[in-house]
Amino acid sequence: MRIAVGPAGFFGLIWLAHALAWLVTGMRGDAFAGILRGVVAVGGTLSVGVLLGAATGAALAVAPEWLTARAPLRGLLAGAVGGALFLPETLVVAFATDVGYLPTLLTVLATPVVGAVAAAHSGDVVGRTRLHPWLWTPTYRRVDTPATAT
């Protein structure tokens, strides 16, 4: 979820700005199509991000120990899974922008970047390192209270 929130929030802000412009200026056009595109952009991006994170974690969890112990091999696996599962985002962006050439092209060109980020964070995902604290949930230690003498 933490991986998916960033892009989904970005599309949510764009959708909100479009909706506010539509309300203020009274732009003519199909309002339902704009709302549908916004829902697809936010929901689709969130879904792709969740799928990407879950599948990358699952691939690293079932990978043999000899592979996850070596950072280059672990990074290659995470990068390949992350990059491959980011490609459906191209379809989401294409639908949301009515097949706008520039946004769709930028999404395709961002695929290796997503793979590189997944590779860089693979040690934290598999639990071997703690270099990226935003991936970890803070742990709370239980503090035992001293027993009171009666």
C-alpha atoms as a PDB file:
ATOM      1  CA  MET A   1       0.000   0.000   0.000  1.00  0.00           C
ATOM      2  CA  ARG A   2       2.820   2.412   0.792  1.00  0.00           C
ATOM      3  CA  ILE A   3       4.195   1.972  -2.716  1.00  0.00           C
ATOM      4  CA  ALA A   4       0.824   2.634  -4.353  1.00  0.00           C
ATOM      5  CA  VAL A   5      -0.213   5.708  -2.376  1.00  0.00           C
ATOM      6  CA  GLY A   6       2.217   8.119  -4.057  1.00  0.00           C
ATOM      7  CA  PRO A   7       1.089   7.748  -7.688  1.00  0.00           C
ATOM      8  CA  ALA A   8      -2.563   7.323  -6.681  1.00  0.00           C
ATOM      9  CA  GLY A   9      -2.400  10.539  -4.665  1.00  0.00           C
ATOM     10  CA  PHE A  10      -0.849  12.318  -7.643  1.00  0.00           C
ATOM     11  CA  PHE A  11      -3.690  11.236  -9.921  1.00  0.00           C
ATOM     12  CA  GLY A  12      -6.194  12.105  -7.220  1.00  0.00           C
ATOM     13  CA  LEU A  13      -4.881  15.667  -7.073  1.00  0.00           C
ATOM     14  CA  ILE A  14      -5.055  15.991 -10.863  1.00  0.00           C
ATOM     15  CA  TRP A  15      -8.610  14.652 -10.823  1.00  0.00           C
ATOM     16  CA  LEU A  16      -9.560  17.066  -8.030  1.00  0.00           C
ATOM     17  CA  ALA A  17      -8.107  20.008  -9.948  1.00  0.00           C
ATOM     18  CA  HIS A  18     -10.057  18.963 -13.050  1.00  0.00           C
ATOM     19  CA  ALA A  19     -13.259  18.625 -11.047  1.00  0.00           C
ATOM     20  CA  LEU A  20     -12.786  22.054  -9.452  1.00  0.00           C
ATOM     21  CA  ALA A  21     -12.094  23.624 -12.844  1.00  0.00           C
ATOM     22  CA  TRP A  22     -15.244  21.991 -14.193  1.00  0.00           C
ATOM     23  CA  LEU A  23     -17.320  23.345 -11.295  1.00  0.00           C
ATOM     24  CA  VAL A  24     -15.885  26.866 -11.389  1.00  0.00           C
ATOM     25  CA  THR A  25     -15.798  27.471 -15.128  1.00  0.00           C
ATOM     26  CA  GLY A  26     -18.795  25.375 -16.077  1.00  0.00           C
ATOM     27  CA  MET A  27     -16.861  23.586 -18.813  1.00  0.00           C
ATOM     28  CA  ARG A  28     -19.089  21.810 -21.262  1.00  0.00           C
ATOM     29  CA  GLY A  29     -18.563  18.164 -21.887  1.00  0.00           C
ATOM     30  CA  ASP A  30     -19.453  14.793 -20.592  1.00  0.00           C
ATOM     31  CA  ALA A  31     -19.101  15.048 -16.827  1.00  0.00           C
ATOM     32  CA  PHE A  32     -19.588  11.317 -16.312  1.00  0.00           C
ATOM     33  CA  ALA A  33     -16.650  10.494 -18.602  1.00  0.00           C
ATOM     34  CA  GLY A  34     -14.383  12.829 -16.624  1.00  0.00           C
ATOM     35  CA  ILE A  35     -15.466  11.308 -13.321  1.00  0.00           C
ATOM     36  CA  LEU A  36     -14.999   7.796 -14.705  1.00  0.00           C
ATOM     37  CA  ARG A  37     -11.504   8.630 -15.930  1.00  0.00           C
ATOM     38  CA  GLY A  38     -10.597  10.035 -12.531  1.00  0.00           C
ATOM     39  CA  VAL A  39     -11.882   6.967 -10.719  1.00  0.00           C
ATOM     40  CA  VAL A  40      -9.994   4.685 -13.107  1.00  0.00           C
ATOM     41  CA  ALA A  41      -6.804   6.735 -12.738  1.00  0.00           C
ATOM     42  CA  VAL A  42      -6.856   6.709  -8.939  1.00  0.00           C
ATOM     43  CA  GLY A  43      -8.277   3.215  -8.432  1.00  0.00           C
ATOM     44  CA  GLY A  44      -6.269   1.643 -11.229  1.00  0.00           C
ATOM     45  CA  THR A  45      -3.014   3.174 -10.059  1.00  0.00           C
ATOM     46  CA  LEU A  46      -3.691   2.074  -6.499  1.00  0.00           C
ATOM     47  CA  SER A  47      -4.541  -1.443  -7.700  1.00  0.00           C
ATOM     48  CA  VAL A  48      -1.419  -1.698  -9.865  1.00  0.00           C
ATOM     49  CA  GLY A  49       0.749  -0.475  -6.984  1.00  0.00           C
ATOM     50  CA  VAL A  50      -0.742  -2.936  -4.518  1.00  0.00           C
ATOM     51  CA  LEU A  51      -0.344  -5.782  -7.005  1.00  0.00           C
ATOM     52  CA  LEU A  52       3.235  -4.723  -7.702  1.00  0.00           C
ATOM     53  CA  GLY A  53       4.154  -4.622  -4.012  1.00  0.00           C
ATOM     54  CA  ALA A  54       2.405  -7.877  -3.138  1.00  0.00           C
ATOM     55  CA  ALA A  55       3.841  -9.791  -6.078  1.00  0.00           C
ATOM     56  CA  THR A  56       7.364  -8.482  -5.498  1.00  0.00           C
ATOM     57  CA  GLY A  57       7.152  -9.460  -1.837  1.00  0.00           C
ATOM     58  CA  ALA A  58       5.726 -12.871  -2.711  1.00  0.00           C
ATOM     59  CA  ALA A  59       8.427 -13.516  -5.324  1.00  0.00           C
ATOM     60  CA  LEU A  60      11.136 -12.624  -2.821  1.00  0.00           C
ATOM     61  CA  ALA A  61       9.473 -14.724  -0.115  1.00  0.00           C
ATOM     62  CA  VAL A  62       9.384 -17.887  -2.209  1.00  0.00           C
ATOM     63  CA  ALA A  63      12.833 -17.348  -3.740  1.00  0.00           C
ATOM     64  CA  PRO A  64      15.514 -19.742  -2.510  1.00  0.00           C
ATOM     65  CA  GLU A  65      17.825 -18.621   0.263  1.00  0.00           C
ATOM     66  CA  TRP A  66      20.915 -18.638  -1.971  1.00  0.00           C
ATOM     67  CA  LEU A  67      19.236 -16.089  -4.256  1.00  0.00           C
ATOM     68  CA  THR A  68      17.961 -13.726  -1.579  1.00  0.00           C
ATOM     69  CA  ALA A  69      21.330 -13.782   0.213  1.00  0.00           C
ATOM     70  CA  ARG A  70      23.030 -12.174  -2.790  1.00  0.00           C
ATOM     71  CA  ALA A  71      22.079  -8.547  -3.363  1.00  0.00           C
ATOM     72  CA  PRO A  72      22.608  -8.459  -7.162  1.00  0.00           C
ATOM     73  CA  LEU A  73      20.475 -11.566  -7.765  1.00  0.00           C
ATOM     74  CA  ARG A  74      17.816 -10.403  -5.315  1.00  0.00           C
ATOM     75  CA  GLY A  75      17.779  -7.003  -7.020  1.00  0.00           C
ATOM     76  CA  LEU A  76      17.433  -8.564 -10.469  1.00  0.00           C
ATOM     77  CA  LEU A  77      14.468 -10.647  -9.325  1.00  0.00           C
ATOM     78  CA  ALA A  78      12.732  -7.723  -7.626  1.00  0.00           C
ATOM     79  CA  GLY A  79      13.474  -5.394 -10.551  1.00  0.00           C
ATOM     80  CA  ALA A  80      12.131  -7.846 -13.116  1.00  0.00           C
ATOM     81  CA  VAL A  81       8.927  -8.485 -11.172  1.00  0.00           C
ATOM     82  CA  GLY A  82       8.425  -4.798 -10.343  1.00  0.00           C
ATOM     83  CA  GLY A  83       9.095  -3.642 -13.895  1.00  0.00           C
ATOM     84  CA  ALA A  84       6.854  -6.274 -15.456  1.00  0.00           C
ATOM     85  CA  LEU A  85       3.976  -5.557 -13.110  1.00  0.00           C
ATOM     86  CA  PHE A  86       4.200  -1.808 -13.695  1.00  0.00           C
ATOM     87  CA  LEU A  87       3.296  -2.200 -17.376  1.00  0.00           C
ATOM     88  CA  PRO A  88      -0.491  -2.375 -16.671  1.00  0.00           C
ATOM     89  CA  GLU A  89      -0.133   1.192 -15.393  1.00  0.00           C
ATOM     90  CA  THR A  90       0.314   2.150 -19.050  1.00  0.00           C
ATOM     91  CA  LEU A  91      -3.222   0.946 -19.737  1.00  0.00           C
ATOM     92  CA  VAL A  92      -4.547   2.876 -16.754  1.00  0.00           C
ATOM     93  CA  VAL A  93      -2.862   6.088 -17.898  1.00  0.00           C
ATOM     94  CA  ALA A  94      -3.939   5.530 -21.504  1.00  0.00           C
ATOM     95  CA  PHE A  95      -7.583   5.175 -20.462  1.00  0.00           C
ATOM     96  CA  ALA A  96      -7.461   8.074 -18.013  1.00  0.00           C
ATOM     97  CA  THR A  97      -5.917  10.455 -20.549  1.00  0.00           C
ATOM     98  CA  ASP A  98      -7.929   9.246 -23.551  1.00  0.00           C
ATOM     99  CA  VAL A  99      -4.739   7.733 -25.011  1.00  0.00           C
ATOM    100  CA  GLY A 100      -2.673  10.863 -24.608  1.00  0.00           C
ATOM    101  CA  TYR A 101       0.626  10.154 -26.305  1.00  0.00           C
ATOM    102  CA  LEU A 102       2.929  11.985 -23.909  1.00  0.00           C
ATOM    103  CA  PRO A 103       1.518  10.606 -20.617  1.00  0.00           C
ATOM    104  CA  THR A 104       1.401   7.081 -22.033  1.00  0.00           C
ATOM    105  CA  LEU A 105       4.960   7.354 -23.356  1.00  0.00           C
ATOM    106  CA  LEU A 106       6.217   8.732 -20.040  1.00  0.00           C
ATOM    107  CA  THR A 107       4.574   5.834 -18.227  1.00  0.00           C
ATOM    108  CA  VAL A 108       6.276   3.311 -20.505  1.00  0.00           C
ATOM    109  CA  LEU A 109       9.602   5.090 -20.012  1.00  0.00           C
ATOM    110  CA  ALA A 110       9.105   5.002 -16.224  1.00  0.00           C
ATOM    111  CA  THR A 111       9.002   1.189 -16.221  1.00  0.00           C
ATOM    112  CA  PRO A 112      12.793   0.745 -15.818  1.00  0.00           C
ATOM    113  CA  VAL A 113      12.767   3.360 -13.062  1.00  0.00           C
ATOM    114  CA  VAL A 114      10.158   1.371 -11.140  1.00  0.00           C
ATOM    115  CA  GLY A 115      12.226  -1.782 -11.651  1.00  0.00           C
ATOM    116  CA  ALA A 116      15.328  -0.015 -10.327  1.00  0.00           C
ATOM    117  CA  VAL A 117      13.459   1.248  -7.262  1.00  0.00           C
ATOM    118  CA  ALA A 118      12.117  -2.254  -6.575  1.00  0.00           C
ATOM    119  CA  ALA A 119      15.647  -3.622  -6.911  1.00  0.00           C
ATOM    120  CA  ALA A 120      17.053  -0.993  -4.564  1.00  0.00           C
ATOM    121  CA  HIS A 121      14.451  -1.770  -1.905  1.00  0.00           C
ATOM    122  CA  SER A 122      14.584  -5.559  -2.276  1.00  0.00           C
ATOM    123  CA  GLY A 123      16.791  -6.007   0.778  1.00  0.00           C
ATOM    124  CA  ASP A 124      14.223  -4.282   2.981  1.00  0.00           C
ATOM    125  CA  VAL A 125      11.324  -6.145   1.410  1.00  0.00           C
ATOM    126  CA  VAL A 126      12.915  -9.526   2.060  1.00  0.00           C
ATOM    127  CA  GLY A 127      13.977  -8.467   5.569  1.00  0.00           C
ATOM    128  CA  ARG A 128      17.762  -8.549   5.171  1.00  0.00           C
ATOM    129  CA  THR A 129      18.386  -4.821   5.615  1.00  0.00           C
ATOM    130  CA  ARG A 130      16.696  -1.837   7.208  1.00  0.00           C
ATOM    131  CA  LEU A 131      18.071   0.906   4.989  1.00  0.00           C
ATOM    132  CA  HIS A 132      14.692   2.430   4.098  1.00  0.00           C
ATOM    133  CA  PRO A 133      12.740   3.064   7.306  1.00  0.00           C
ATOM    134  CA  TRP A 134       9.538   4.078   5.511  1.00  0.00           C
ATOM    135  CA  LEU A 135       9.074   0.409   4.545  1.00  0.00           C
ATOM    136  CA  TRP A 136       9.098  -0.774   8.131  1.00  0.00           C
ATOM    137  CA  THR A 137       6.318  -0.575  10.651  1.00  0.00           C
ATOM    138  CA  PRO A 138       7.600   0.772  13.942  1.00  0.00           C
ATOM    139  CA  THR A 139       7.816  -1.896  16.585  1.00  0.00           C
ATOM    140  CA  TYR A 140       6.655  -1.153  20.050  1.00  0.00           C
ATOM    141  CA  ARG A 141       8.291  -2.846  22.964  1.00  0.00           C
ATOM    142  CA  ARG A 142       6.108  -3.819  25.839  1.00  0.00           C
ATOM    143  CA  VAL A 143       7.208  -2.205  29.036  1.00  0.00           C
ATOM    144  CA  ASP A 144       6.484  -4.333  32.038  1.00  0.00           C
ATOM    145  CA  THR A 145       5.477  -2.423  35.083  1.00  0.00           C
ATOM    146  CA  PRO A 146       7.207  -3.441  38.270  1.00  0.00           C
ATOM    147  CA  ALA A 147       5.053  -5.418  40.617  1.00  0.00           C
ATOM    148  CA  THR A 148       3.884  -3.441  43.597  1.00  0.00           C
ATOM    149  CA  ALA A 149       4.550  -4.830  47.012  1.00  0.00           C
ATOM    150  CA  THR A 150       1.488  -5.511  49.059  1.00  0.00           C
END
